[in-house]
């Protein structure tokens, strides 16, 4: 039997805690049973400003941002990096970053080199 898992993003387990501020955060990797890769999906409303500025220096985790729908901007160290479908952005662990979606909002996939705990 093939070892394949297929799920629509809206079928995946969602975050619903104190950091819920209008976005939808999906535990994509956990929902698909990934064991060697971290992956989440985030659907953010237009101009949503609650994405926290952060880094991952404490756990040495690099991230890859993949916009699926809409557009936005990644801000880091005084620079602005446009985000849109077809553009992939890798951010190192020690780099602080903040993402703000554009006027149509943004859905993005976030990959990391740290799998989600089971």
Protein backbone atom coordinates (compact mmCIF):
# COMPACT_ATOMS: atom_id res chain seq x y z
CA UNK A 1 0.00 0.00 0.00
CA UNK A 2 1.34 3.47 -0.91
CA UNK A 3 2.48 5.71 1.96
CA UNK A 4 0.63 8.86 0.84
CA UNK A 5 -1.39 11.44 2.80
CA UNK A 6 -3.63 13.91 0.96
CA UNK A 7 -5.41 16.78 2.74
CA UNK A 8 -6.83 20.13 1.75
CA UNK A 9 -5.43 22.98 3.86
CA UNK A 10 -8.85 23.65 5.38
CA UNK A 11 -8.96 20.03 6.66
CA UNK A 12 -5.76 20.41 8.68
CA UNK A 13 -5.51 20.96 12.42
CA UNK A 14 -5.68 24.69 13.22
CA UNK A 15 -4.19 26.76 15.99
CA UNK A 16 -6.73 28.37 18.31
CA UNK A 17 -4.99 30.03 21.24
CA UNK A 18 -4.06 33.38 22.69
CA UNK A 19 -2.13 34.44 19.57
CA UNK A 20 -5.24 34.05 17.37
CA UNK A 21 -5.86 37.54 15.96
CA UNK A 22 -7.82 37.09 12.74
CA UNK A 23 -5.42 34.78 10.93
CA UNK A 24 -5.77 31.05 10.29
CA UNK A 25 -2.70 29.00 11.25
CA UNK A 26 -2.65 25.40 10.05
CA UNK A 27 -0.34 22.70 11.45
CA UNK A 28 0.34 21.33 7.95
CA UNK A 29 3.32 19.11 8.71
CA UNK A 30 1.70 17.58 11.77
CA UNK A 31 -1.59 17.09 9.88
CA UNK A 32 0.22 15.29 7.06
CA UNK A 33 2.40 13.20 9.40
CA UNK A 34 5.74 14.71 8.35
CA UNK A 35 8.62 13.46 10.51
CA UNK A 36 11.70 15.13 8.98
CA UNK A 37 10.42 18.57 8.01
CA UNK A 38 8.48 21.33 9.78
CA UNK A 39 5.63 22.87 7.79
CA UNK A 40 2.79 25.26 8.59
CA UNK A 41 0.35 27.23 6.46
CA UNK A 42 -0.88 30.69 7.40
CA UNK A 43 -3.84 32.55 5.88
CA UNK A 44 -3.60 36.24 6.80
CA UNK A 45 -6.24 38.92 6.14
CA UNK A 46 -5.40 42.11 4.19
CA UNK A 47 -2.82 44.38 5.88
CA UNK A 48 -2.80 42.13 8.98
CA UNK A 49 -0.12 43.52 11.32
CA UNK A 50 -0.08 40.88 14.07
CA UNK A 51 2.59 38.62 12.56
CA UNK A 52 5.25 38.85 15.26
CA UNK A 53 8.75 40.09 14.60
CA UNK A 54 10.89 37.14 15.61
CA UNK A 55 13.97 35.04 15.00
CA UNK A 56 14.80 31.40 15.69
CA UNK A 57 18.27 31.79 17.15
CA UNK A 58 17.30 29.80 20.28
CA UNK A 59 16.58 26.63 18.28
CA UNK A 60 18.82 27.34 15.23
CA UNK A 61 15.83 26.96 12.86
CA UNK A 62 15.93 28.39 9.35
CA UNK A 63 12.65 28.97 7.52
CA UNK A 64 11.51 29.02 3.92
CA UNK A 65 8.49 31.19 3.06
CA UNK A 66 6.42 30.21 0.02
CA UNK A 67 3.50 32.53 -0.84
CA UNK A 68 0.60 30.53 -2.31
CA UNK A 69 -2.02 33.28 -2.75
CA UNK A 70 -2.02 37.05 -2.49
CA UNK A 71 1.07 39.07 -1.67
CA UNK A 72 2.88 40.81 1.15
CA UNK A 73 6.22 42.09 2.38
CA UNK A 74 8.87 40.55 4.59
CA UNK A 75 10.71 43.18 6.66
CA UNK A 76 14.15 42.48 8.08
CA UNK A 77 17.06 44.66 9.19
CA UNK A 78 15.73 47.79 7.46
CA UNK A 79 15.02 45.99 4.17
CA UNK A 80 11.69 45.16 2.54
CA UNK A 81 11.36 41.97 0.48
CA UNK A 82 8.26 41.64 -1.74
CA UNK A 83 6.42 38.36 -1.35
CA UNK A 84 4.17 36.94 -4.07
CA UNK A 85 3.38 33.64 -5.70
CA UNK A 86 6.48 32.21 -7.36
CA UNK A 87 8.93 33.93 -4.98
CA UNK A 88 10.62 31.83 -2.29
CA UNK A 89 12.44 33.46 0.62
CA UNK A 90 14.83 31.68 3.00
CA UNK A 91 15.56 33.34 6.35
CA UNK A 92 18.40 32.23 8.61
CA UNK A 93 17.86 31.44 12.28
CA UNK A 94 19.48 34.60 13.70
CA UNK A 95 17.70 37.04 11.37
CA UNK A 96 14.72 38.91 12.82
CA UNK A 97 11.77 39.07 10.44
CA UNK A 98 8.21 40.38 10.26
CA UNK A 99 5.67 39.73 7.51
CA UNK A 100 2.77 42.01 6.55
CA UNK A 101 0.27 40.83 3.93
CA UNK A 102 -0.85 43.15 1.13
CA UNK A 103 -4.30 44.49 0.21
CA UNK A 104 -5.68 41.08 -0.81
CA UNK A 105 -4.20 39.23 2.16
CA UNK A 106 -1.82 36.31 1.79
CA UNK A 107 -1.72 32.55 2.20
CA UNK A 108 1.80 31.20 2.67
CA UNK A 109 3.49 27.93 3.40
CA UNK A 110 6.34 27.99 5.92
CA UNK A 111 8.89 25.18 5.80
CA UNK A 112 11.62 24.64 8.38
CA UNK A 113 14.38 22.20 9.18
CA UNK A 114 12.73 21.31 12.50
CA UNK A 115 9.84 18.82 12.41
CA UNK A 116 6.84 19.51 14.61
CA UNK A 117 6.66 17.43 17.81
CA UNK A 118 4.22 14.55 17.64
